[in-house]
Amino acid sequence: MKNLLTRFEEKAPEIVFEWNDSETTARGWAVINTLRGGAAGGGTRMRRG
């Protein structure tokens, strides 16, 4: 199981959307880690620029 987790953590995401907020220096990302059978797993992140 540890080997499977390591392989998942080292794999690049399937899709990454990145944007910059036009009013602040914030940057954002929407990440899709995996696409399997019509289901997607991932999340969103915001960081100060």
PDB file of N, CA and C in Angstrom:
ATOM      1  N   MET A   1       0.824  -1.194   0.000  1.00  0.00           N
ATOM      2  CA  MET A   1       0.000   0.000   0.000  1.00  0.00           C
ATOM      3  C   MET A   1       0.871   1.262   0.000  1.00  0.00           C
ATOM      4  N   LYS A   2       1.948   1.240   0.777  1.00  0.00           N
ATOM      5  CA  LYS A   2       2.862   2.395   0.820  1.00  0.00           C
ATOM      6  C   LYS A   2       3.415   2.693  -0.573  1.00  0.00           C
ATOM      7  N   ASN A   3       3.720   1.644  -1.338  1.00  0.00           N
ATOM      8  CA  ASN A   3       4.243   1.807  -2.696  1.00  0.00           C
ATOM      9  C   ASN A   3       3.209   2.497  -3.596  1.00  0.00           C
ATOM     10  N   LEU A   4       1.942   2.105  -3.487  1.00  0.00           N
ATOM     11  CA  LEU A   4       0.883   2.737  -4.285  1.00  0.00           C
ATOM     12  C   LEU A   4       0.733   4.217  -3.937  1.00  0.00           C
ATOM     13  N   LEU A   5       0.795   4.540  -2.650  1.00  0.00           N
ATOM     14  CA  LEU A   5       0.680   5.930  -2.218  1.00  0.00           C
ATOM     15  C   LEU A   5       1.852   6.757  -2.752  1.00  0.00           C
ATOM     16  N   THR A   6       3.040   6.212  -2.686  1.00  0.00           N
ATOM     17  CA  THR A   6       4.219   6.914  -3.204  1.00  0.00           C
ATOM     18  C   THR A   6       4.090   7.169  -4.696  1.00  0.00           C
ATOM     19  N   ARG A   7       3.645   6.179  -5.449  1.00  0.00           N
ATOM     20  CA  ARG A   7       3.458   6.356  -6.898  1.00  0.00           C
ATOM     21  C   ARG A   7       2.432   7.445  -7.186  1.00  0.00           C
ATOM     22  N   PHE A   8       1.329   7.480  -6.416  1.00  0.00           N
ATOM     23  CA  PHE A   8       0.297   8.504  -6.598  1.00  0.00           C
ATOM     24  C   PHE A   8       0.852   9.899  -6.296  1.00  0.00           C
ATOM     25  N   GLU A   9       1.596  10.022  -5.202  1.00  0.00           N
ATOM     26  CA  GLU A   9       2.135  11.323  -4.804  1.00  0.00           C
ATOM     27  C   GLU A   9       3.157  11.863  -5.806  1.00  0.00           C
ATOM     28  N   GLU A  10       3.878  10.985  -6.478  1.00  0.00           N
ATOM     29  CA  GLU A  10       4.918  11.404  -7.419  1.00  0.00           C
ATOM     30  C   GLU A  10       4.391  11.649  -8.830  1.00  0.00           C
ATOM     31  N   LYS A  11       3.147  11.242  -9.096  1.00  0.00           N
ATOM     32  CA  LYS A  11       2.567  11.406 -10.427  1.00  0.00           C
ATOM     33  C   LYS A  11       2.081  12.842 -10.630  1.00  0.00           C
ATOM     34  N   ALA A  12       2.345  13.380 -11.814  1.00  0.00           N
ATOM     35  CA  ALA A  12       1.878  14.736 -12.139  1.00  0.00           C
ATOM     36  C   ALA A  12       0.353  14.743 -12.287  1.00  0.00           C
ATOM     37  N   PRO A  13      -0.315  15.870 -11.965  1.00  0.00           N
ATOM     38  CA  PRO A  13      -1.765  15.960 -12.131  1.00  0.00           C
ATOM     39  C   PRO A  13      -2.174  15.814 -13.593  1.00  0.00           C
ATOM     40  N   GLU A  14      -3.403  15.365 -13.817  1.00  0.00           N
ATOM     41  CA  GLU A  14      -3.946  15.245 -15.172  1.00  0.00           C
ATOM     42  C   GLU A  14      -4.164  16.627 -15.791  1.00  0.00           C
ATOM     43  N   ILE A  15      -4.796  17.544 -15.018  1.00  0.00           N
ATOM     44  CA  ILE A  15      -5.143  18.881 -15.521  1.00  0.00           C
ATOM     45  C   ILE A  15      -4.890  19.907 -14.413  1.00  0.00           C
ATOM     46  N   VAL A  16      -4.287  21.041 -14.774  1.00  0.00           N
ATOM     47  CA  VAL A  16      -4.081  22.142 -13.829  1.00  0.00           C
ATOM     48  C   VAL A  16      -4.549  23.435 -14.492  1.00  0.00           C
ATOM     49  N   PHE A  17      -5.475  24.140 -13.833  1.00  0.00           N
ATOM     50  CA  PHE A  17      -5.901  25.473 -14.260  1.00  0.00           C
ATOM     51  C   PHE A  17      -5.265  26.460 -13.291  1.00  0.00           C
ATOM     52  N   GLU A  18      -4.562  27.450 -13.810  1.00  0.00           N
ATOM     53  CA  GLU A  18      -3.931  28.455 -12.959  1.00  0.00           C
ATOM     54  C   GLU A  18      -4.423  29.836 -13.371  1.00  0.00           C
ATOM     55  N   TRP A  19      -4.662  30.696 -12.392  1.00  0.00           N
ATOM     56  CA  TRP A  19      -5.087  32.048 -12.718  1.00  0.00           C
ATOM     57  C   TRP A  19      -4.475  33.038 -11.728  1.00  0.00           C
ATOM     58  N   ASN A  20      -4.457  34.313 -12.134  1.00  0.00           N
ATOM     59  CA  ASN A  20      -3.994  35.421 -11.298  1.00  0.00           C
ATOM     60  C   ASN A  20      -5.158  36.374 -11.092  1.00  0.00           C
ATOM     61  N   ASP A  21      -5.380  36.756  -9.847  1.00  0.00           N
ATOM     62  CA  ASP A  21      -6.446  37.699  -9.528  1.00  0.00           C
ATOM     63  C   ASP A  21      -6.061  39.083 -10.039  1.00  0.00           C
ATOM     64  N   SER A  22      -6.946  39.724 -10.787  1.00  0.00           N
ATOM     65  CA  SER A  22      -6.633  41.024 -11.398  1.00  0.00           C
ATOM     66  C   SER A  22      -6.631  42.176 -10.392  1.00  0.00           C
ATOM     67  N   GLU A  23      -7.225  41.989  -9.209  1.00  0.00           N
ATOM     68  CA  GLU A  23      -7.299  43.075  -8.228  1.00  0.00           C
ATOM     69  C   GLU A  23      -6.270  42.949  -7.108  1.00  0.00           C
ATOM     70  N   THR A  24      -5.694  41.779  -6.938  1.00  0.00           N
ATOM     71  CA  THR A  24      -4.683  41.560  -5.898  1.00  0.00           C
ATOM     72  C   THR A  24      -3.521  40.785  -6.523  1.00  0.00           C
ATOM     73  N   THR A  25      -2.574  40.414  -5.691  1.00  0.00           N
ATOM     74  CA  THR A  25      -1.450  39.614  -6.194  1.00  0.00           C
ATOM     75  C   THR A  25      -1.688  38.119  -6.004  1.00  0.00           C
ATOM     76  N   ALA A  26      -2.925  37.745  -5.620  1.00  0.00           N
ATOM     77  CA  ALA A  26      -3.222  36.336  -5.357  1.00  0.00           C
ATOM     78  C   ALA A  26      -3.176  35.506  -6.635  1.00  0.00           C
ATOM     79  N   ARG A  27      -2.739  34.267  -6.482  1.00  0.00           N
ATOM     80  CA  ARG A  27      -2.745  33.290  -7.573  1.00  0.00           C
ATOM     81  C   ARG A  27      -3.603  32.112  -7.130  1.00  0.00           C
ATOM     82  N   GLY A  28      -4.241  31.453  -8.091  1.00  0.00           N
ATOM     83  CA  GLY A  28      -5.097  30.319  -7.762  1.00  0.00           C
ATOM     84  C   GLY A  28      -4.880  29.160  -8.700  1.00  0.00           C
ATOM     85  N   TRP A  29      -5.211  27.959  -8.206  1.00  0.00           N
ATOM     86  CA  TRP A  29      -5.097  26.747  -9.000  1.00  0.00           C
ATOM     87  C   TRP A  29      -6.308  25.859  -8.757  1.00  0.00           C
ATOM     88  N   ALA A  30      -6.811  25.257  -9.801  1.00  0.00           N
ATOM     89  CA  ALA A  30      -7.781  24.168  -9.700  1.00  0.00           C
ATOM     90  C   ALA A  30      -7.068  22.960 -10.295  1.00  0.00           C
ATOM     91  N   VAL A  31      -6.946  21.908  -9.497  1.00  0.00           N
ATOM     92  CA  VAL A  31      -6.144  20.748  -9.895  1.00  0.00           C
ATOM     93  C   VAL A  31      -7.017  19.506  -9.951  1.00  0.00           C
ATOM     94  N   ILE A  32      -6.922  18.772 -11.047  1.00  0.00           N
ATOM     95  CA  ILE A  32      -7.571  17.468 -11.171  1.00  0.00           C
ATOM     96  C   ILE A  32      -6.453  16.439 -11.183  1.00  0.00           C
ATOM     97  N   ASN A  33      -6.362  15.682 -10.090  1.00  0.00           N
ATOM     98  CA  ASN A  33      -5.294  14.694  -9.961  1.00  0.00           C
ATOM     99  C   ASN A  33      -5.537  13.469 -10.822  1.00  0.00           C
ATOM    100  N   THR A  34      -6.769  12.990 -10.847  1.00  0.00           N
ATOM    101  CA  THR A  34      -7.064  11.757 -11.569  1.00  0.00           C
ATOM    102  C   THR A  34      -8.406  11.852 -12.276  1.00  0.00           C
ATOM    103  N   LEU A  35      -8.511  11.191 -13.411  1.00  0.00           N
ATOM    104  CA  LEU A  35      -9.768  11.045 -14.144  1.00  0.00           C
ATOM    105  C   LEU A  35     -10.009   9.549 -14.308  1.00  0.00           C
ATOM    106  N   ARG A  36     -11.045   9.028 -13.668  1.00  0.00           N
ATOM    107  CA  ARG A  36     -11.327   7.599 -13.726  1.00  0.00           C
ATOM    108  C   ARG A  36     -12.821   7.366 -13.894  1.00  0.00           C
ATOM    109  N   GLY A  37     -13.212   6.790 -14.993  1.00  0.00           N
ATOM    110  CA  GLY A  37     -14.607   6.402 -15.194  1.00  0.00           C
ATOM    111  C   GLY A  37     -15.607   7.526 -14.997  1.00  0.00           C
ATOM    112  N   GLY A  38     -15.289   8.732 -15.454  1.00  0.00           N
ATOM    113  CA  GLY A  38     -16.211   9.845 -15.327  1.00  0.00           C
ATOM    114  C   GLY A  38     -16.130  10.585 -14.008  1.00  0.00           C
ATOM    115  N   ALA A  39     -15.274  10.128 -13.088  1.00  0.00           N
ATOM    116  CA  ALA A  39     -15.115  10.802 -11.800  1.00  0.00           C
ATOM    117  C   ALA A  39     -13.749  11.475 -11.743  1.00  0.00           C
ATOM    118  N   ALA A  40     -13.699  12.636 -11.117  1.00  0.00           N
ATOM    119  CA  ALA A  40     -12.438  13.368 -10.990  1.00  0.00           C
ATOM    120  C   ALA A  40     -12.134  13.604  -9.515  1.00  0.00           C
ATOM    121  N   GLY A  41     -10.871  13.580  -9.184  1.00  0.00           N
ATOM    122  CA  GLY A  41     -10.433  13.891  -7.826  1.00  0.00           C
ATOM    123  C   GLY A  41      -9.418  15.018  -7.886  1.00  0.00           C
ATOM    124  N   GLY A  42      -9.501  15.961  -6.977  1.00  0.00           N
ATOM    125  CA  GLY A  42      -8.556  17.077  -6.982  1.00  0.00           C
ATOM    126  C   GLY A  42      -8.973  18.121  -5.971  1.00  0.00           C
ATOM    127  N   GLY A  43      -8.678  19.389  -6.246  1.00  0.00           N
ATOM    128  CA  GLY A  43      -9.050  20.443  -5.319  1.00  0.00           C
ATOM    129  C   GLY A  43      -8.648  21.805  -5.834  1.00  0.00           C
ATOM    130  N   THR A  44      -8.914  22.826  -5.026  1.00  0.00           N
ATOM    131  CA  THR A  44      -8.540  24.191  -5.385  1.00  0.00           C
ATOM    132  C   THR A  44      -7.574  24.726  -4.343  1.00  0.00           C
ATOM    133  N   ARG A  45      -6.728  25.636  -4.761  1.00  0.00           N
ATOM    134  CA  ARG A  45      -5.761  26.256  -3.862  1.00  0.00           C
ATOM    135  C   ARG A  45      -5.658  27.738  -4.201  1.00  0.00           C
ATOM    136  N   MET A  46      -5.502  28.572  -3.188  1.00  0.00           N
ATOM    137  CA  MET A  46      -5.233  30.004  -3.387  1.00  0.00           C
ATOM    138  C   MET A  46      -4.018  30.352  -2.548  1.00  0.00           C
ATOM    139  N   ARG A  47      -3.117  31.131  -3.135  1.00  0.00           N
ATOM    140  CA  ARG A  47      -1.911  31.564  -2.431  1.00  0.00           C
ATOM    141  C   ARG A  47      -1.700  33.053  -2.676  1.00  0.00           C
ATOM    142  N   ARG A  48      -1.218  33.734  -1.665  1.00  0.00           N
ATOM    143  CA  ARG A  48      -0.859  35.134  -1.818  1.00  0.00           C
ATOM    144  C   ARG A  48       0.285  35.219  -2.821  1.00  0.00           C
ATOM    145  N   GLY A  49       0.241  36.190  -3.742  1.00  0.00           N
ATOM    146  CA  GLY A  49       1.231  36.296  -4.816  1.00  0.00           C
ATOM    147  C   GLY A  49       2.616  36.650  -4.367  1.00  0.00           C
TER     148      GLY A  49
END
